[in-house]
Structure formats: structure tokens, C-alpha cells
C-alpha atoms as a PDB file:
ATOM      1  CA  UNK A   1      -0.579  -0.173   0.257  1.00  0.00           C
ATOM      2  CA  UNK A   2       2.754   2.440   0.001  1.00  0.00           C
ATOM      3  CA  UNK A   3       1.903   5.663  -1.808  1.00  0.00           C
ATOM      4  CA  UNK A   4      -1.654   4.301  -2.108  1.00  0.00           C
ATOM      5  CA  UNK A   5      -3.178   4.640   1.252  1.00  0.00           C
ATOM      6  CA  UNK A   6      -5.351   7.660  -0.651  1.00  0.00           C
ATOM      7  CA  UNK A   7      -6.902   5.030  -2.742  1.00  0.00           C
ATOM      8  CA  UNK A   8      -7.309   2.230  -0.598  1.00  0.00           C
ATOM      9  CA  UNK A   9      -9.124   5.054   1.666  1.00  0.00           C
ATOM     10  CA  UNK A  10     -10.754   6.566  -1.631  1.00  0.00           C
ATOM     11  CA  UNK A  11     -10.317   9.818  -0.624  1.00  0.00           C
ATOM     12  CA  UNK A  12      -7.387  12.580  -0.570  1.00  0.00           C
ATOM     13  CA  UNK A  13      -7.774  13.466   3.609  1.00  0.00           C
ATOM     14  CA  UNK A  14      -4.670  13.545   6.185  1.00  0.00           C
ATOM     15  CA  UNK A  15      -4.064  10.240   7.365  1.00  0.00           C
ATOM     16  CA  UNK A  16      -2.854   9.959  11.127  1.00  0.00           C
ATOM     17  CA  UNK A  17      -1.321   6.975  12.058  1.00  0.00           C
ATOM     18  CA  UNK A  18      -1.579   5.194  15.723  1.00  0.00           C
ATOM     19  CA  UNK A  19       2.392   3.830  16.593  1.00  0.00           C
ATOM     20  CA  UNK A  20       1.814   0.666  18.599  1.00  0.00           C
ATOM     21  CA  UNK A  21      -1.788   0.892  18.734  1.00  0.00           C
ATOM     22  CA  UNK A  22      -2.595  -2.158  20.671  1.00  0.00           C
ATOM     23  CA  UNK A  23      -6.873  -2.718  20.638  1.00  0.00           C
ATOM     24  CA  UNK A  24      -6.953   0.253  18.611  1.00  0.00           C
ATOM     25  CA  UNK A  25      -8.841   2.407  20.668  1.00  0.00           C
ATOM     26  CA  UNK A  26      -7.624   6.338  20.220  1.00  0.00           C
ATOM     27  CA  UNK A  27      -7.345   5.108  16.240  1.00  0.00           C
ATOM     28  CA  UNK A  28     -11.304   4.219  16.408  1.00  0.00           C
ATOM     29  CA  UNK A  29     -12.259   6.982  18.565  1.00  0.00           C
ATOM     30  CA  UNK A  30     -10.192   9.178  16.587  1.00  0.00           C
ATOM     31  CA  UNK A  31     -11.857   7.843  13.416  1.00  0.00           C
ATOM     32  CA  UNK A  32     -15.343   8.258  14.646  1.00  0.00           C
ATOM     33  CA  UNK A  33     -14.684  11.832  16.207  1.00  0.00           C
ATOM     34  CA  UNK A  34     -13.285  13.276  12.841  1.00  0.00           C
ATOM     35  CA  UNK A  35     -14.431  11.251   9.686  1.00  0.00           C
ATOM     36  CA  UNK A  36     -12.814  13.822   7.454  1.00  0.00           C
ATOM     37  CA  UNK A  37      -9.843  12.461   8.263  1.00  0.00           C
ATOM     38  CA  UNK A  38      -8.350   8.599   8.033  1.00  0.00           C
ATOM     39  CA  UNK A  39      -6.865   6.852  10.806  1.00  0.00           C
ATOM     40  CA  UNK A  40      -4.275   3.693  10.503  1.00  0.00           C
ATOM     41  CA  UNK A  41      -3.637   2.015  13.486  1.00  0.00           C
ATOM     42  CA  UNK A  42      -0.155  -0.049  13.157  1.00  0.00           C
ATOM     43  CA  UNK A  43       0.651  -2.792  15.947  1.00  0.00           C
ATOM     44  CA  UNK A  44       2.932  -6.265  15.969  1.00  0.00           C
ATOM     45  CA  UNK A  45       0.155  -7.920  17.320  1.00  0.00           C
ATOM     46  CA  UNK A  46      -2.871  -9.459  15.079  1.00  0.00           C
ATOM     47  CA  UNK A  47      -4.667 -10.449  18.500  1.00  0.00           C
ATOM     48  CA  UNK A  48      -4.999  -7.102  19.903  1.00  0.00           C
ATOM     49  CA  UNK A  49      -5.396  -5.182  16.082  1.00  0.00           C
ATOM     50  CA  UNK A  50      -8.598  -7.762  15.938  1.00  0.00           C
ATOM     51  CA  UNK A  51      -9.987  -5.914  18.556  1.00  0.00           C
ATOM     52  CA  UNK A  52      -9.908  -2.418  16.520  1.00  0.00           C
ATOM     53  CA  UNK A  53     -10.828  -4.111  13.006  1.00  0.00           C
ATOM     54  CA  UNK A  54     -13.574  -5.663  14.896  1.00  0.00           C
ATOM     55  CA  UNK A  55     -14.807  -2.771  15.887  1.00  0.00           C
ATOM     56  CA  UNK A  56     -14.349  -0.629  12.679  1.00  0.00           C
ATOM     57  CA  UNK A  57     -15.863  -3.651  11.030  1.00  0.00           C
ATOM     58  CA  UNK A  58     -19.226  -3.205  13.467  1.00  0.00           C
ATOM     59  CA  UNK A  59     -19.497   0.508  12.841  1.00  0.00           C
ATOM     60  CA  UNK A  60     -19.102   0.770   9.432  1.00  0.00           C
ATOM     61  CA  UNK A  61     -16.120   3.128   9.581  1.00  0.00           C
ATOM     62  CA  UNK A  62     -14.643   3.816   5.918  1.00  0.00           C
ATOM     63  CA  UNK A  63     -11.734   6.054   7.316  1.00  0.00           C
ATOM     64  CA  UNK A  64      -9.970   3.365   9.687  1.00  0.00           C
ATOM     65  CA  UNK A  65      -7.157   0.670   8.944  1.00  0.00           C
ATOM     66  CA  UNK A  66      -5.122  -1.624  10.701  1.00  0.00           C
ATOM     67  CA  UNK A  67      -1.442  -2.583   9.654  1.00  0.00           C
ATOM     68  CA  UNK A  68       0.349  -5.462  11.156  1.00  0.00           C
ATOM     69  CA  UNK A  69       4.107  -4.477  11.282  1.00  0.00           C
ATOM     70  CA  UNK A  70       6.890  -4.116  12.948  1.00  0.00           C
ATOM     71  CA  UNK A  71       7.246  -0.453  13.506  1.00  0.00           C
ATOM     72  CA  UNK A  72      10.993  -0.260  12.510  1.00  0.00           C
ATOM     73  CA  UNK A  73       9.294  -1.094   9.057  1.00  0.00           C
ATOM     74  CA  UNK A  74       7.040   1.727   8.742  1.00  0.00           C
ATOM     75  CA  UNK A  75       9.310   3.590   5.608  1.00  0.00           C
ATOM     76  CA  UNK A  76       8.278  -0.113   3.337  1.00  0.00           C
ATOM     77  CA  UNK A  77       5.032   1.013   4.328  1.00  0.00           C
ATOM     78  CA  UNK A  78       4.362   4.790   3.782  1.00  0.00           C
ATOM     79  CA  UNK A  79       5.840   7.098   1.014  1.00  0.00           C
ATOM     80  CA  UNK A  80       7.588   9.965   1.818  1.00  0.00           C
ATOM     81  CA  UNK A  81       5.026  12.903   3.052  1.00  0.00           C
ATOM     82  CA  UNK A  82       1.657  10.389   2.908  1.00  0.00           C
ATOM     83  CA  UNK A  83       0.963  10.634   6.543  1.00  0.00           C
ATOM     84  CA  UNK A  84       0.054  13.816   8.138  1.00  0.00           C
ATOM     85  CA  UNK A  85       0.541  13.082  12.336  1.00  0.00           C
ATOM     86  CA  UNK A  86       1.514  10.455  14.359  1.00  0.00           C
ATOM     87  CA  UNK A  87       0.071   9.270  18.241  1.00  0.00           C
ATOM     88  CA  UNK A  88       2.267   6.867  20.057  1.00  0.00           C
ATOM     89  CA  UNK A  89      -0.047   5.586  22.920  1.00  0.00           C
ATOM     90  CA  UNK A  90       1.658   4.090  26.057  1.00  0.00           C
ATOM     91  CA  UNK A  91       4.464   1.967  23.806  1.00  0.00           C
ATOM     92  CA  UNK A  92       7.112  -0.307  25.711  1.00  0.00           C
ATOM     93  CA  UNK A  93       9.793   2.125  27.107  1.00  0.00           C
ATOM     94  CA  UNK A  94      12.512  -0.256  26.443  1.00  0.00           C
ATOM     95  CA  UNK A  95      14.240   0.487  29.464  1.00  0.00           C
ATOM     96  CA  UNK A  96      17.532  -1.175  28.315  1.00  0.00           C
ATOM     97  CA  UNK A  97      17.224  -0.312  25.115  1.00  0.00           C
ATOM     98  CA  UNK A  98      17.332   3.354  24.310  1.00  0.00           C
ATOM     99  CA  UNK A  99      17.686   3.154  20.330  1.00  0.00           C
ATOM    100  CA  UNK A 100      14.740   0.990  20.040  1.00  0.00           C
ATOM    101  CA  UNK A 101      12.402   3.366  22.023  1.00  0.00           C
ATOM    102  CA  UNK A 102       9.635   5.028  19.513  1.00  0.00           C
ATOM    103  CA  UNK A 103      11.200   8.006  19.953  1.00  0.00           C
ATOM    104  CA  UNK A 104      14.511   7.914  19.842  1.00  0.00           C
ATOM    105  CA  UNK A 105      16.674   9.758  17.029  1.00  0.00           C
ATOM    106  CA  UNK A 106      16.445   6.431  14.573  1.00  0.00           C
ATOM    107  CA  UNK A 107      12.514   6.182  14.664  1.00  0.00           C
ATOM    108  CA  UNK A 108      12.042  10.169  14.680  1.00  0.00           C
ATOM    109  CA  UNK A 109      14.074  10.158  11.613  1.00  0.00           C
ATOM    110  CA  UNK A 110      12.024   7.624  10.068  1.00  0.00           C
ATOM    111  CA  UNK A 111       8.830   9.237  10.805  1.00  0.00           C
ATOM    112  CA  UNK A 112      10.270  12.683   9.301  1.00  0.00           C
ATOM    113  CA  UNK A 113      10.206  11.104   5.496  1.00  0.00           C
ATOM    114  CA  UNK A 114       7.127   9.656   6.239  1.00  0.00           C
ATOM    115  CA  UNK A 115       5.266  13.083   7.627  1.00  0.00           C
ATOM    116  CA  UNK A 116       4.283  16.185   6.055  1.00  0.00           C
ATOM    117  CA  UNK A 117       6.073  19.243   7.015  1.00  0.00           C
ATOM    118  CA  UNK A 118       4.733  20.597  10.279  1.00  0.00           C
ATOM    119  CA  UNK A 119       2.894  17.289  11.460  1.00  0.00           C
ATOM    120  CA  UNK A 120       2.642  16.871  14.746  1.00  0.00           C
ATOM    121  CA  UNK A 121       3.597  13.972  16.895  1.00  0.00           C
ATOM    122  CA  UNK A 122       1.788  13.020  20.208  1.00  0.00           C
ATOM    123  CA  UNK A 123       2.882  10.608  23.011  1.00  0.00           C
ATOM    124  CA  UNK A 124       1.077   9.427  25.868  1.00  0.00           C
ATOM    125  CA  UNK A 125       2.667   7.443  28.347  1.00  0.00           C
ATOM    126  CA  UNK A 126       3.095   6.474  32.273  1.00  0.00           C
ATOM    127  CA  UNK A 127       6.540   5.922  31.881  1.00  0.00           C
ATOM    128  CA  UNK A 128       8.208   9.220  33.461  1.00  0.00           C
ATOM    129  CA  UNK A 129      11.626   8.027  32.152  1.00  0.00           C
ATOM    130  CA  UNK A 130      10.185   7.711  28.774  1.00  0.00           C
ATOM    131  CA  UNK A 131       8.716  10.610  28.869  1.00  0.00           C
ATOM    132  CA  UNK A 132      12.275  11.969  30.049  1.00  0.00           C
ATOM    133  CA  UNK A 133      14.098  10.508  27.578  1.00  0.00           C
ATOM    134  CA  UNK A 134      11.717  11.817  24.829  1.00  0.00           C
ATOM    135  CA  UNK A 135      12.061  15.392  26.265  1.00  0.00           C
ATOM    136  CA  UNK A 136      15.742  15.314  25.866  1.00  0.00           C
ATOM    137  CA  UNK A 137      15.823  13.985  22.552  1.00  0.00           C
ATOM    138  CA  UNK A 138      13.239  16.731  21.386  1.00  0.00           C
ATOM    139  CA  UNK A 139      15.751  19.490  23.224  1.00  0.00           C
ATOM    140  CA  UNK A 140      19.090  17.589  21.738  1.00  0.00           C
ATOM    141  CA  UNK A 141      17.894  16.945  18.263  1.00  0.00           C
ATOM    142  CA  UNK A 142      16.349  20.734  17.961  1.00  0.00           C
ATOM    143  CA  UNK A 143      12.599  19.542  17.363  1.00  0.00           C
ATOM    144  CA  UNK A 144       9.579  22.129  17.996  1.00  0.00           C
ATOM    145  CA  UNK A 145       8.284  21.091  21.394  1.00  0.00           C
ATOM    146  CA  UNK A 146       4.888  21.978  21.488  1.00  0.00           C
ATOM    147  CA  UNK A 147       3.599  21.695  24.973  1.00  0.00           C
ATOM    148  CA  UNK A 148       4.091  19.084  27.860  1.00  0.00           C
ATOM    149  CA  UNK A 149       2.640  17.867  30.891  1.00  0.00           C
ATOM    150  CA  UNK A 150       3.628  15.280  33.574  1.00  0.00           C
ATOM    151  CA  UNK A 151       0.148  14.804  34.773  1.00  0.00           C
ATOM    152  CA  UNK A 152      -2.502  15.242  32.133  1.00  0.00           C
ATOM    153  CA  UNK A 153      -5.710  14.678  33.773  1.00  0.00           C
ATOM    154  CA  UNK A 154      -4.787  16.891  36.715  1.00  0.00           C
ATOM    155  CA  UNK A 155      -4.036  19.509  34.359  1.00  0.00           C
ATOM    156  CA  UNK A 156      -6.011  22.621  32.597  1.00  0.00           C
ATOM    157  CA  UNK A 157      -5.968  20.818  28.997  1.00  0.00           C
ATOM    158  CA  UNK A 158      -9.357  20.421  27.731  1.00  0.00           C
ATOM    159  CA  UNK A 159      -8.440  19.128  24.844  1.00  0.00           C
ATOM    160  CA  UNK A 160      -8.984  15.418  22.803  1.00  0.00           C
ATOM    161  CA  UNK A 161      -6.306  13.836  24.167  1.00  0.00           C
ATOM    162  CA  UNK A 162      -8.497  13.431  27.101  1.00  0.00           C
ATOM    163  CA  UNK A 163     -11.287  11.826  25.820  1.00  0.00           C
ATOM    164  CA  UNK A 164     -10.295   8.297  24.954  1.00  0.00           C
ATOM    165  CA  UNK A 165      -8.400   6.397  27.310  1.00  0.00           C
ATOM    166  CA  UNK A 166      -6.701   3.211  26.276  1.00  0.00           C
ATOM    167  CA  UNK A 167      -6.951  -0.141  27.935  1.00  0.00           C
ATOM    168  CA  UNK A 168      -3.181   0.436  29.454  1.00  0.00           C
ATOM    169  CA  UNK A 169      -3.938   3.886  30.144  1.00  0.00           C
ATOM    170  CA  UNK A 170      -7.213   2.414  32.843  1.00  0.00           C
ATOM    171  CA  UNK A 171      -5.158   0.540  34.178  1.00  0.00           C
ATOM    172  CA  UNK A 172      -2.183   3.112  35.185  1.00  0.00           C
ATOM    173  CA  UNK A 173      -4.615   5.786  36.210  1.00  0.00           C
ATOM    174  CA  UNK A 174      -6.457   2.728  38.830  1.00  0.00           C
ATOM    175  CA  UNK A 175      -3.177   2.631  40.287  1.00  0.00           C
ATOM    176  CA  UNK A 176      -2.762   6.457  40.738  1.00  0.00           C
ATOM    177  CA  UNK A 177       0.075   6.806  38.302  1.00  0.00           C
ATOM    178  CA  UNK A 178       0.056  10.080  36.601  1.00  0.00           C
ATOM    179  CA  UNK A 179      -0.057  10.128  32.532  1.00  0.00           C
ATOM    180  CA  UNK A 180       2.414  12.072  30.430  1.00  0.00           C
ATOM    181  CA  UNK A 181       1.254  14.035  27.331  1.00  0.00           C
ATOM    182  CA  UNK A 182       3.297  16.067  24.848  1.00  0.00           C
ATOM    183  CA  UNK A 183       3.272  17.061  21.450  1.00  0.00           C
ATOM    184  CA  UNK A 184       5.498  18.200  19.075  1.00  0.00           C
ATOM    185  CA  UNK A 185       6.776  18.758  15.486  1.00  0.00           C
ATOM    186  CA  UNK A 186       9.959  17.662  13.545  1.00  0.00           C
ATOM    187  CA  UNK A 187      12.848  20.064  12.503  1.00  0.00           C
END
């Protein structure tokens, strides 16, 4: 589908990815809220994707797709500047392997190829070390940090980022763990 995703959707609407989408809660919710956009959830685990795909089929949504692949293979799935935004929701923090983190310079360079200029990347995580790593990477690489909070649900934000909670997010909130959120643009 590389370079052909607009044909798949049958329109030229912007395409947003949810990386490591799990059950696809964000993908499905964003697609329902913004039918004028297209959304693709990506995860390596087919059993997780099944839930989002089933919900999409039940709702007969035409602006949602799911792709089972490793995120390090993302350049094989999308053409340059084919994507208009990225959500990274509760990724594996990869505590022992910083280069494998979805916000490492290696991954950000891949996203830069896929994203249209000025596209926004969103990150939600419960893992403060991962979040701090991402903030440091954004600063060191010279990317544009638009905003961040260390406790999303005790912040003053009144935005869509709070409307949908993933399976893992609900677990973390139930344990009293604050949710970190940021958004940025690649240089």
C-alpha cells in the first residue's frame, strides 16, 4: 500500500497513524470523532489489532485501517510525506535499549520521511523515564516542543487527548500513576 493509502481510503483526506496501537482505541475513537480524516493503527500483535478491526467493521467505518507490522519497518509501508500526524500511545519504554524507543532519533528520522512538513507527533505514556528521554531527545535534536504535561488529567488541558483512554491507560490511572503527554513537530 506504500504510496497508495489515499486510494485505499478512496479520498485524499489527511492520514494519521497510531503507532503501537494495541486494541486500536485511539484509532477508532479519532476516526469516529473526525470522519474528515483517515486513521491507520499499527501494531505487531494481530490479536490486539483484531479488537479495533472488529469495532471498525461493526461501525462500518470507512476511514480506519489497521496494519500488522513492526514499526521499524514503517518506511516500507508509507511513501514520503504520505502521513499528516502520529500518535504514540503507551509504547513499550524499552528501558534497556534506548535506540529501540519509538521516540529515539532513529525512529524520529524515519517519521520525518513519512510526515508532511509541520505534522504533529503526540505521545502519551505513564513511564516518566521514557517521557524524560523523549523531552531530552526533542531538545537535543532541535525539534519544536509544542507543549507537555507530567500529569495530563490534573492539567488545565481541555482537549481531545483526554477523551479516549486506552486499556493500559485505564490500568495506570487506576493505580494512581499520572499520565504524561506532549506534542511536537520535527525540525
